Amino acid sequence: MSQKSSGVLVGMGIFAFCLGLSPWASAQASPPLARLQCLSIPSAQLQPSLLPRQIEAGVETIHRDSERVITAYLPLPGGKFKGPIGDLNSNKNFKSTLPPRFVTSDGTVQRAFIGFDQRPGTRLDACIAEVAQVVLKATGGDRESIFRFLEAHIQDYLRPVAEGVALPWDRGLSESEHLKRIFASAANDPVGRYPRSSGVFHPVIPFEAYLKLGYGYCVEKAIFTSMILERLGIAHRLVSGGTQETGHTWIQLQDGRVLDPTWQVLDQPSEPISPSAWFRYGTTWVFEDQIFPYLILN
């Protein structure tokens, strides 16, 4: 086993979570940033966001096969922010939708946890509605055109983060020796065992902060795309997995195609190859994690 301090353990290899850049076009120029009116609405006219400022970090093994073991950090319920731990990868029948309030991670503690509050009247609710209207105006509601628009234009709202650059709220975040010990001990846990408690509280950044800054990683881009598709009534599922080098999150459509707003790909994937279920879309081989836990807030 080898461990990288990013917070992901993999058998006989190193696995870091997504940089938000295409693996074959990491030097591409950032697109112009689209202006969102929702970000300028006075707070007094909106429902306040009900998210924790920080929450305890847990540790759980999320994938195990003959090639790799993946262990990740995730938010745990506590205090007045209670709720069940869900699985972002569980929507196999394309019928589930994202909860009104939840907190997720990219699997590491080098980046803040991300909080989402899309209840009616919140700023995020207004932003989803605004972008959904932009999509409808640009596509006339044609589904194929919607997919093509989201493939190309989510990066107008969340530009790629360059490798080696930390977002303002991530600067100074690191993995303590205490966390490393808990992380290492969780590597032998079965997939799906309730996360180990760390006693360490980690910052939670509202998703709107990413929209205001105009930058995001694959997790933020895929979840925002999912929320827009839900607002438009289009069935799909979020998928978290990885490549040989990095973790990644994308969208799977009902027809089996992958919609990836980070790598800007809309493609029919290849058949999975056993025993580790590798498949390819675009030019990259990927696999799906067996689970990807997140905290659903009551």
Protein backbone atom coordinates (compact mmCIF):
# COMPACT_ATOMS: atom_id res chain seq x y z
CA MET A 1 0.00 0.00 0.00
CA SER A 2 1.11 3.56 -0.55
CA GLN A 3 -0.38 6.68 0.89
CA LYS A 4 -0.58 10.22 -0.38
CA SER A 5 -1.32 12.99 2.10
CA SER A 6 -4.18 14.20 -0.08
CA GLY A 7 -6.32 11.77 1.85
CA VAL A 8 -6.83 8.89 -0.55
CA LEU A 9 -5.21 5.51 -0.11
CA VAL A 10 -4.78 3.14 -3.02
CA GLY A 11 -3.26 -0.31 -3.21
CA MET A 12 0.08 -0.17 -5.04
CA GLY A 13 -0.46 3.33 -6.35
CA ILE A 14 -1.19 6.99 -5.67
CA PHE A 15 -4.61 8.52 -6.16
CA ALA A 16 -5.35 12.25 -5.78
CA PHE A 17 -8.70 13.96 -6.24
CA CYS A 18 -9.57 15.99 -9.30
CA LEU A 19 -7.78 19.13 -10.37
CA GLY A 20 -10.69 20.30 -12.49
CA LEU A 21 -8.66 20.19 -15.71
CA SER A 22 -8.96 18.00 -18.76
CA PRO A 23 -6.23 15.33 -18.70
CA TRP A 24 -5.42 16.06 -22.33
CA ALA A 25 -5.83 19.84 -22.35
CA SER A 26 -4.52 21.08 -19.01
CA ALA A 27 -2.93 24.12 -20.62
CA GLN A 28 -6.12 25.40 -22.25
CA ALA A 29 -7.00 29.04 -21.61
CA SER A 30 -9.77 29.79 -19.12
CA PRO A 31 -13.05 30.80 -20.77
CA PRO A 32 -14.64 34.18 -20.04
CA LEU A 33 -16.57 34.25 -16.76
CA ALA A 34 -20.34 34.49 -17.14
CA ARG A 35 -22.03 37.04 -14.87
CA LEU A 36 -24.77 35.70 -12.60
CA GLN A 37 -27.39 38.16 -11.39
CA CYS A 38 -28.30 35.82 -8.52
CA LEU A 39 -25.01 36.67 -6.84
CA SER A 40 -26.01 40.34 -6.61
CA ILE A 41 -29.42 39.84 -4.97
CA PRO A 42 -29.40 41.49 -1.52
CA SER A 43 -29.30 38.90 1.24
CA ALA A 44 -32.37 40.46 2.85
CA GLN A 45 -34.43 39.34 -0.16
CA LEU A 46 -33.34 35.71 0.17
CA GLN A 47 -33.84 32.83 2.54
CA PRO A 48 -30.67 32.48 4.63
CA SER A 49 -28.47 29.52 3.86
CA LEU A 50 -28.57 26.96 6.67
CA LEU A 51 -25.18 25.29 6.51
CA PRO A 52 -22.51 24.59 9.11
CA ARG A 53 -19.35 26.67 9.08
CA GLN A 54 -17.40 23.57 10.01
CA ILE A 55 -18.19 19.93 10.60
CA GLU A 56 -16.35 16.84 11.78
CA ALA A 57 -14.28 14.94 9.24
CA GLY A 58 -14.86 11.19 9.06
CA VAL A 59 -12.86 8.51 7.27
CA GLU A 60 -14.32 5.66 5.21
CA THR A 61 -13.15 3.10 2.67
CA ILE A 62 -15.21 3.74 -0.47
CA HIS A 63 -13.79 1.24 -2.97
CA ARG A 64 -11.97 -2.07 -2.90
CA ASP A 65 -11.04 -4.38 -5.76
CA SER A 66 -8.10 -6.46 -6.94
CA GLU A 67 -6.18 -3.35 -8.04
CA ARG A 68 -6.91 -0.68 -5.45
CA VAL A 69 -8.28 0.32 -2.07
CA ILE A 70 -9.63 3.87 -1.84
CA THR A 71 -10.20 5.55 1.49
CA ALA A 72 -11.58 9.08 1.72
CA TYR A 73 -12.43 11.89 4.12
CA LEU A 74 -16.09 12.93 4.32
CA PRO A 75 -18.35 15.11 6.51
CA LEU A 76 -20.04 13.58 9.56
CA PRO A 77 -23.29 14.68 11.26
CA GLY A 78 -23.03 16.46 14.58
CA GLY A 79 -24.49 19.16 16.80
CA LYS A 80 -27.50 20.84 15.22
CA PHE A 81 -26.45 19.63 11.76
CA LYS A 82 -27.67 16.06 11.86
CA GLY A 83 -28.77 13.72 9.12
CA PRO A 84 -28.02 10.44 7.37
CA ILE A 85 -24.96 9.67 5.28
CA GLY A 86 -26.04 9.08 1.69
CA ASP A 87 -24.26 7.75 -1.38
CA LEU A 88 -23.84 10.03 -4.39
CA ASN A 89 -23.28 6.94 -6.57
CA SER A 90 -26.47 5.16 -5.52
CA ASN A 91 -28.92 6.55 -8.09
CA LYS A 92 -28.74 3.49 -10.35
CA ASN A 93 -32.37 3.81 -11.50
CA PHE A 94 -32.04 7.53 -12.40
CA LYS A 95 -35.03 8.38 -10.17
CA SER A 96 -33.40 10.05 -7.15
CA THR A 97 -32.71 13.76 -6.84
CA LEU A 98 -30.26 15.67 -4.71
CA PRO A 99 -31.54 16.66 -1.26
CA PRO A 100 -32.33 20.30 -0.45
CA ARG A 101 -29.33 20.62 1.90
CA PHE A 102 -26.17 18.54 1.97
CA VAL A 103 -22.41 18.66 2.52
CA THR A 104 -19.88 16.73 0.47
CA SER A 105 -16.12 16.54 -0.08
CA ASP A 106 -13.60 15.68 -2.75
CA GLY A 107 -12.29 12.93 -0.48
CA THR A 108 -9.43 15.00 0.98
CA VAL A 109 -8.77 17.43 3.82
CA GLN A 110 -6.51 19.61 1.65
CA ARG A 111 -9.73 21.19 0.35
CA ALA A 112 -12.71 22.45 2.31
CA PHE A 113 -15.96 20.50 2.40
CA ILE A 114 -18.66 21.97 0.14
CA GLY A 115 -22.12 22.91 1.42
CA PHE A 116 -25.24 23.09 -0.74
CA ASP A 117 -28.55 24.69 0.27
CA GLN A 118 -30.95 24.73 -2.67
CA ARG A 119 -34.16 25.19 -0.69
CA PRO A 120 -36.67 27.53 -2.37
CA GLY A 121 -35.73 31.17 -1.92
CA THR A 122 -32.03 30.64 -1.21
CA ARG A 123 -29.28 32.20 -3.30
CA LEU A 124 -28.34 28.84 -4.74
CA ASP A 125 -31.95 28.21 -5.72
CA ALA A 126 -31.92 31.55 -7.58
CA CYS A 127 -28.63 30.70 -9.31
CA ILE A 128 -29.88 27.30 -10.47
CA ALA A 129 -33.06 28.90 -11.83
CA GLU A 130 -31.05 31.62 -13.61
CA VAL A 131 -28.69 29.22 -15.36
CA ALA A 132 -31.57 26.87 -16.23
CA GLN A 133 -33.27 29.77 -18.01
CA VAL A 134 -30.06 30.58 -19.88
CA VAL A 135 -29.89 26.96 -21.00
CA LEU A 136 -33.51 26.93 -22.16
CA LYS A 137 -33.09 30.20 -24.05
CA ALA A 138 -29.95 28.95 -25.79
CA THR A 139 -31.32 25.50 -26.68
CA GLY A 140 -35.06 25.97 -27.08
CA GLY A 141 -35.51 23.07 -24.66
CA ASP A 142 -34.11 20.47 -27.09
CA ARG A 143 -32.51 17.78 -24.92
CA GLU A 144 -29.52 17.05 -27.12
CA SER A 145 -28.80 20.77 -27.35
CA ILE A 146 -29.09 21.04 -23.55
CA PHE A 147 -26.47 18.32 -23.12
CA ARG A 148 -24.16 20.01 -25.62
CA PHE A 149 -24.64 23.39 -23.94
CA LEU A 150 -23.83 22.06 -20.47
CA GLU A 151 -20.84 20.15 -21.81
CA ALA A 152 -19.41 23.36 -23.22
CA HIS A 153 -20.58 26.11 -20.89
CA ILE A 154 -20.50 25.05 -17.23
CA GLN A 155 -16.90 26.25 -17.35
CA ASP A 156 -18.23 29.73 -18.10
CA TYR A 157 -19.38 29.75 -14.46
CA LEU A 158 -16.70 27.59 -12.85
CA ARG A 159 -13.35 27.95 -14.56
CA PRO A 160 -10.59 25.32 -14.18
CA VAL A 161 -8.27 25.65 -11.19
CA ALA A 162 -4.66 25.45 -12.30
CA GLU A 163 -2.55 22.64 -10.88
CA GLY A 164 -0.67 23.76 -7.79
CA VAL A 165 -3.05 26.66 -7.09
CA ALA A 166 -5.17 26.61 -3.92
CA LEU A 167 -8.48 28.44 -3.67
CA PRO A 168 -8.51 31.10 -0.90
CA TRP A 169 -10.40 28.98 1.65
CA ASP A 170 -8.17 25.94 1.03
CA ARG A 171 -4.89 27.69 1.80
CA GLY A 172 -3.33 26.34 4.93
CA LEU A 173 -5.46 23.18 5.07
CA SER A 174 -3.41 20.06 5.69
CA GLU A 175 -3.59 16.52 6.97
CA SER A 176 -2.41 16.27 10.58
CA GLU A 177 -0.54 13.28 11.97
CA HIS A 178 -3.65 12.45 14.01
CA LEU A 179 -5.77 12.33 10.83
CA LYS A 180 -3.13 10.27 9.04
CA ARG A 181 -3.27 7.61 11.77
CA ILE A 182 -7.07 7.37 11.61
CA PHE A 183 -6.93 7.34 7.84
CA ALA A 184 -4.42 4.48 7.78
CA SER A 185 -6.47 2.45 10.27
CA ALA A 186 -9.57 2.76 8.06
CA ALA A 187 -7.85 1.18 5.05
CA ASN A 188 -8.76 -2.32 6.21
CA ASP A 189 -12.43 -1.48 6.85
CA PRO A 190 -15.01 -3.03 4.53
CA VAL A 191 -16.61 -0.72 1.99
CA GLY A 192 -19.72 0.85 3.45
CA ARG A 193 -18.80 0.53 7.11
CA TYR A 194 -19.93 3.63 9.01
CA PRO A 195 -17.13 6.23 8.84
CA ARG A 196 -14.56 6.45 11.58
CA SER A 197 -14.76 9.59 13.70
CA SER A 198 -11.72 11.86 13.82
CA GLY A 199 -12.75 14.52 16.33
CA VAL A 200 -11.31 17.06 13.89
CA PHE A 201 -13.59 19.77 12.52
CA HIS A 202 -13.15 20.88 8.92
CA PRO A 203 -14.41 24.07 7.21
CA VAL A 204 -17.55 23.99 5.05
CA ILE A 205 -17.70 26.48 2.17
CA PRO A 206 -21.12 27.31 0.61
CA PHE A 207 -21.20 26.42 -3.07
CA GLU A 208 -22.15 30.00 -3.94
CA ALA A 209 -18.63 31.04 -2.92
CA TYR A 210 -17.27 29.01 -5.83
CA LEU A 211 -19.70 30.73 -8.19
CA LYS A 212 -18.67 34.15 -6.86
CA LEU A 213 -15.00 33.33 -7.29
CA GLY A 214 -15.69 31.72 -10.68
CA TYR A 215 -13.54 28.63 -10.14
CA GLY A 216 -14.27 25.03 -9.24
CA TYR A 217 -13.16 21.43 -9.41
CA CYS A 218 -14.93 18.45 -10.94
CA VAL A 219 -17.13 17.85 -7.87
CA GLU A 220 -18.56 21.38 -7.95
CA LYS A 221 -19.04 21.33 -11.73
CA ALA A 222 -20.76 17.95 -11.82
CA ILE A 223 -23.10 18.74 -8.91
CA PHE A 224 -24.03 22.13 -10.40
CA THR A 225 -24.74 20.43 -13.73
CA SER A 226 -26.86 17.84 -11.91
CA MET A 227 -28.89 20.57 -10.19
CA ILE A 228 -29.56 22.30 -13.52
CA LEU A 229 -30.62 19.01 -15.14
CA GLU A 230 -32.94 18.34 -12.20
CA ARG A 231 -34.46 21.82 -12.59
CA LEU A 232 -35.06 21.02 -16.26
CA GLY A 233 -36.66 17.66 -15.41
CA ILE A 234 -33.98 15.55 -17.11
CA ALA A 235 -33.16 12.21 -15.47
CA HIS A 236 -29.48 11.43 -14.91
CA ARG A 237 -27.11 10.30 -12.17
CA LEU A 238 -23.97 11.66 -10.55
CA VAL A 239 -20.96 9.35 -10.62
CA SER A 240 -17.78 9.56 -8.59
CA GLY A 241 -14.78 7.48 -9.54
CA GLY A 242 -11.33 8.03 -10.91
CA THR A 243 -8.60 7.56 -13.46
CA GLN A 244 -5.21 5.95 -12.92
CA GLU A 245 -3.89 9.29 -11.64
CA THR A 246 -6.80 11.26 -10.17
CA GLY A 247 -10.28 11.10 -8.74
CA HIS A 248 -13.11 12.43 -10.87
CA THR A 249 -16.86 13.14 -10.87
CA TRP A 250 -19.16 13.18 -13.90
CA ILE A 251 -22.78 12.76 -15.06
CA GLN A 252 -24.30 9.62 -16.58
CA LEU A 253 -27.36 10.10 -18.81
CA GLN A 254 -30.21 7.61 -19.15
CA ASP A 255 -29.02 6.56 -22.60
CA GLY A 256 -25.70 5.50 -21.06
CA ARG A 257 -23.66 8.43 -22.32
CA VAL A 258 -21.31 10.39 -20.08
CA LEU A 259 -21.76 14.15 -19.78
CA ASP A 260 -18.58 15.54 -18.30
CA PRO A 261 -18.63 19.34 -17.80
CA THR A 262 -15.07 19.36 -16.44
CA TRP A 263 -13.40 17.60 -19.34
CA GLN A 264 -16.06 18.96 -21.74
CA VAL A 265 -16.97 15.54 -23.09
CA LEU A 266 -20.30 14.05 -24.18
CA ASP A 267 -19.59 10.47 -25.17
CA GLN A 268 -20.86 6.88 -25.16
CA PRO A 269 -18.48 4.95 -22.88
CA SER A 270 -16.91 1.62 -23.71
CA GLU A 271 -18.02 -1.61 -22.05
CA PRO A 272 -16.41 -2.15 -18.61
CA ILE A 273 -13.37 -4.40 -18.51
CA SER A 274 -13.16 -6.91 -15.64
CA PRO A 275 -12.09 -7.38 -12.93
CA SER A 276 -11.84 -3.71 -11.96
CA ALA A 277 -14.57 -2.33 -14.25
CA TRP A 278 -12.38 0.11 -16.17
CA PHE A 279 -14.18 1.83 -19.04
CA ARG A 280 -13.29 4.64 -21.38
CA TYR A 281 -14.96 7.84 -22.48
CA GLY A 282 -13.30 10.59 -24.46
CA THR A 283 -9.66 9.50 -24.38
CA THR A 284 -9.49 8.48 -20.73
CA TRP A 285 -9.97 5.18 -18.86
CA VAL A 286 -12.00 5.58 -15.66
CA PHE A 287 -13.77 3.47 -13.04
CA GLU A 288 -16.71 4.13 -10.72
CA ASP A 289 -16.26 4.07 -6.95
CA GLN A 290 -18.41 1.48 -5.22
CA ILE A 291 -19.82 4.25 -3.00
CA PHE A 292 -19.24 7.97 -2.50
CA PRO A 293 -20.61 9.10 0.88
CA TYR A 294 -21.99 12.56 1.61
CA LEU A 295 -23.95 14.12 4.48
CA ILE A 296 -27.66 14.80 3.95
CA LEU A 297 -28.80 17.53 6.35
CA ASN A 298 -32.21 17.12 8.00
